[in-house]
Each structure stands twice: as C-alpha cells, then as structure tokens.
N, C-alpha and C. Protein backbone atom coordinates (compact mmCIF):
# COMPACT_ATOMS: atom_id res chain seq x y z
N MET A 1 0.67 16.05 17.00
CA MET A 1 1.89 15.44 16.45
C MET A 1 1.84 13.92 16.55
N MET A 2 1.33 13.40 17.66
CA MET A 2 1.28 11.95 17.85
C MET A 2 0.29 11.30 16.88
N LYS A 3 -0.83 11.98 16.61
CA LYS A 3 -1.82 11.43 15.68
C LYS A 3 -1.23 11.34 14.28
N LYS A 4 -0.43 12.33 13.88
CA LYS A 4 0.20 12.32 12.57
C LYS A 4 1.15 11.13 12.44
N THR A 5 1.88 10.82 13.50
CA THR A 5 2.80 9.69 13.47
C THR A 5 2.04 8.37 13.35
N TRP A 6 0.93 8.25 14.09
CA TRP A 6 0.14 7.02 14.01
C TRP A 6 -0.49 6.86 12.64
N MET A 7 -0.94 7.95 12.03
CA MET A 7 -1.52 7.87 10.70
C MET A 7 -0.47 7.44 9.68
N PHE A 8 0.77 7.90 9.86
CA PHE A 8 1.86 7.48 9.00
C PHE A 8 2.12 5.98 9.14
N VAL A 9 2.14 5.50 10.37
CA VAL A 9 2.39 4.07 10.62
C VAL A 9 1.27 3.22 10.03
N ILE A 10 0.03 3.64 10.22
CA ILE A 10 -1.11 2.89 9.67
C ILE A 10 -1.05 2.90 8.14
N SER A 11 -0.71 4.03 7.53
CA SER A 11 -0.59 4.10 6.08
C SER A 11 0.53 3.21 5.57
N LEU A 12 1.62 3.19 6.28
CA LEU A 12 2.75 2.35 5.87
C LEU A 12 2.39 0.87 5.96
N LEU A 13 1.73 0.47 7.04
CA LEU A 13 1.31 -0.93 7.18
C LEU A 13 0.26 -1.31 6.14
N GLY A 14 -0.69 -0.42 5.90
CA GLY A 14 -1.71 -0.68 4.89
C GLY A 14 -1.10 -0.83 3.51
N MET A 15 -0.12 0.01 3.20
CA MET A 15 0.55 -0.09 1.91
C MET A 15 1.31 -1.40 1.79
N ALA A 16 1.97 -1.80 2.85
CA ALA A 16 2.73 -3.05 2.82
C ALA A 16 1.82 -4.26 2.63
N ILE A 17 0.69 -4.27 3.32
CA ILE A 17 -0.23 -5.40 3.23
C ILE A 17 -0.90 -5.46 1.85
N SER A 18 -1.38 -4.32 1.37
CA SER A 18 -2.05 -4.34 0.07
C SER A 18 -1.06 -4.61 -1.07
N ALA A 19 0.14 -4.09 -0.97
CA ALA A 19 1.14 -4.35 -2.01
C ALA A 19 1.59 -5.81 -2.00
N SER A 20 1.69 -6.41 -0.82
CA SER A 20 2.08 -7.83 -0.78
C SER A 20 0.97 -8.72 -1.34
N GLY A 21 -0.28 -8.38 -1.09
CA GLY A 21 -1.37 -9.12 -1.71
C GLY A 21 -1.37 -8.96 -3.21
N LEU A 22 -1.06 -7.77 -3.68
CA LEU A 22 -0.97 -7.52 -5.12
C LEU A 22 0.16 -8.33 -5.74
N ILE A 23 1.29 -8.37 -5.09
CA ILE A 23 2.43 -9.14 -5.59
C ILE A 23 2.09 -10.63 -5.67
N LEU A 24 1.33 -11.12 -4.70
CA LEU A 24 0.95 -12.53 -4.72
C LEU A 24 -0.05 -12.85 -5.83
N LEU A 25 -0.85 -11.89 -6.25
CA LEU A 25 -1.83 -12.13 -7.31
C LEU A 25 -1.30 -11.93 -8.72
N ILE A 26 -0.21 -11.21 -8.87
CA ILE A 26 0.33 -10.91 -10.21
C ILE A 26 0.69 -12.19 -10.99
N PRO A 27 1.35 -13.19 -10.42
CA PRO A 27 1.69 -14.38 -11.23
C PRO A 27 0.48 -15.12 -11.78
N SER A 28 -0.67 -15.02 -11.13
CA SER A 28 -1.85 -15.73 -11.63
C SER A 28 -2.38 -15.09 -12.92
N LEU A 29 -1.94 -13.91 -13.26
CA LEU A 29 -2.34 -13.30 -14.53
C LEU A 29 -1.72 -14.02 -15.72
N PHE A 30 -0.57 -14.63 -15.50
CA PHE A 30 0.16 -15.25 -16.59
C PHE A 30 -0.08 -16.75 -16.71
N ARG A 31 -0.92 -17.31 -15.87
CA ARG A 31 -1.28 -18.72 -15.95
C ARG A 31 -2.64 -18.83 -16.63
N SER A 32 -2.73 -19.69 -17.60
CA SER A 32 -3.98 -19.80 -18.36
C SER A 32 -5.02 -20.64 -17.61
N ASP A 33 -4.60 -21.50 -16.69
CA ASP A 33 -5.54 -22.39 -16.03
C ASP A 33 -6.24 -21.77 -14.82
N GLU A 34 -5.78 -20.62 -14.35
CA GLU A 34 -6.38 -19.98 -13.17
C GLU A 34 -7.17 -18.75 -13.58
N GLN A 35 -8.28 -18.57 -12.91
CA GLN A 35 -9.09 -17.36 -13.13
C GLN A 35 -8.74 -16.34 -12.05
N THR A 36 -8.27 -15.20 -12.47
CA THR A 36 -7.93 -14.13 -11.54
C THR A 36 -8.97 -13.04 -11.66
N SER A 37 -9.41 -12.59 -10.54
CA SER A 37 -10.38 -11.51 -10.53
C SER A 37 -9.66 -10.19 -10.82
N ILE A 38 -10.03 -9.56 -11.91
CA ILE A 38 -9.46 -8.27 -12.25
C ILE A 38 -9.86 -7.23 -11.21
N TRP A 39 -11.05 -7.42 -10.64
CA TRP A 39 -11.50 -6.49 -9.61
C TRP A 39 -10.59 -6.55 -8.38
N ALA A 40 -10.17 -7.74 -8.00
CA ALA A 40 -9.28 -7.87 -6.84
C ALA A 40 -7.94 -7.18 -7.11
N LEU A 41 -7.42 -7.34 -8.31
CA LEU A 41 -6.17 -6.68 -8.65
C LEU A 41 -6.34 -5.16 -8.66
N GLY A 42 -7.46 -4.69 -9.20
CA GLY A 42 -7.71 -3.25 -9.24
C GLY A 42 -7.87 -2.65 -7.86
N VAL A 43 -8.61 -3.35 -6.99
CA VAL A 43 -8.82 -2.85 -5.64
C VAL A 43 -7.51 -2.82 -4.87
N LEU A 44 -6.72 -3.87 -4.97
CA LEU A 44 -5.43 -3.89 -4.27
C LEU A 44 -4.48 -2.82 -4.80
N THR A 45 -4.51 -2.58 -6.10
CA THR A 45 -3.68 -1.53 -6.68
C THR A 45 -4.09 -0.17 -6.16
N CYS A 46 -5.39 0.09 -6.16
CA CYS A 46 -5.89 1.38 -5.66
C CYS A 46 -5.57 1.57 -4.18
N LEU A 47 -5.73 0.51 -3.40
CA LEU A 47 -5.41 0.60 -1.98
C LEU A 47 -3.93 0.90 -1.75
N ALA A 48 -3.07 0.23 -2.51
CA ALA A 48 -1.63 0.46 -2.36
C ALA A 48 -1.28 1.91 -2.70
N VAL A 49 -1.90 2.44 -3.76
CA VAL A 49 -1.61 3.82 -4.16
C VAL A 49 -2.14 4.81 -3.11
N VAL A 50 -3.35 4.57 -2.61
CA VAL A 50 -3.93 5.46 -1.61
C VAL A 50 -3.11 5.45 -0.33
N PHE A 51 -2.70 4.27 0.12
CA PHE A 51 -1.87 4.20 1.32
C PHE A 51 -0.50 4.84 1.10
N ALA A 52 0.06 4.71 -0.11
CA ALA A 52 1.35 5.34 -0.40
C ALA A 52 1.24 6.86 -0.35
N VAL A 53 0.16 7.40 -0.92
CA VAL A 53 -0.05 8.85 -0.87
C VAL A 53 -0.26 9.30 0.57
N GLY A 54 -1.00 8.51 1.35
CA GLY A 54 -1.20 8.83 2.75
C GLY A 54 0.11 8.82 3.53
N ALA A 55 0.96 7.85 3.23
CA ALA A 55 2.25 7.79 3.92
C ALA A 55 3.12 8.99 3.56
N LEU A 56 3.05 9.44 2.31
CA LEU A 56 3.79 10.64 1.94
C LEU A 56 3.23 11.88 2.61
N TYR A 57 1.93 11.95 2.73
CA TYR A 57 1.28 13.12 3.33
C TYR A 57 1.55 13.21 4.83
N TRP A 58 1.49 12.07 5.52
CA TRP A 58 1.64 12.07 6.97
C TRP A 58 3.04 11.73 7.45
N ARG A 59 4.02 11.71 6.57
CA ARG A 59 5.36 11.35 7.01
C ARG A 59 5.90 12.37 8.00
N PRO A 60 6.68 11.89 8.94
CA PRO A 60 7.24 12.82 9.94
C PRO A 60 8.25 13.79 9.29
N SER A 61 8.28 14.98 9.81
CA SER A 61 9.22 15.96 9.26
C SER A 61 10.63 15.66 9.76
N ARG A 62 11.58 16.05 8.96
CA ARG A 62 12.98 15.84 9.33
C ARG A 62 13.41 16.94 10.29
N SER A 63 14.14 16.53 11.28
CA SER A 63 14.69 17.55 12.19
C SER A 63 16.07 17.94 11.69
N THR A 64 16.30 19.24 11.55
CA THR A 64 17.57 19.72 11.01
C THR A 64 18.54 20.12 12.11
N SER A 65 18.17 19.92 13.36
CA SER A 65 19.07 20.30 14.45
C SER A 65 20.13 19.21 14.64
N GLU A 66 21.36 19.64 14.69
CA GLU A 66 22.47 18.68 14.85
C GLU A 66 23.24 18.98 16.11
C-alpha cells in the first residue's frame, strides 16, 4: 500500500514538472524569431501524458467509511 502511494506522488510530481516545462515552451511556438525544438515539445507532452496516466493508475482508493 505504501509503495502505491509513493508511486502516485512521484507520478503527480513528474506530471507537474513536465507540464510546467511544456507550458513554458508553448509561447515560443508563436514567435518567429526563436527556434523551438519540436522534439522537446513532443517529449514533454509524452512525459506529461505518461505521468498523468500513472497518477490515475496509482491513485489512492477512496475510503467509504464514515
């Protein structure tokens, strides 16, 4: 149970970091004077999606006891 929680936390942090890097690179697509690596955008997008799926897979279950 503890390993599942840590995997969720790592996935959530990885998603946050890769998505923030992606958000920082998006504006450079619309500037004509800067060269943006399409590979960097693709890798960050894939990482964000993979970490999001991991966070959904390893999310803690809800306790229904009240």
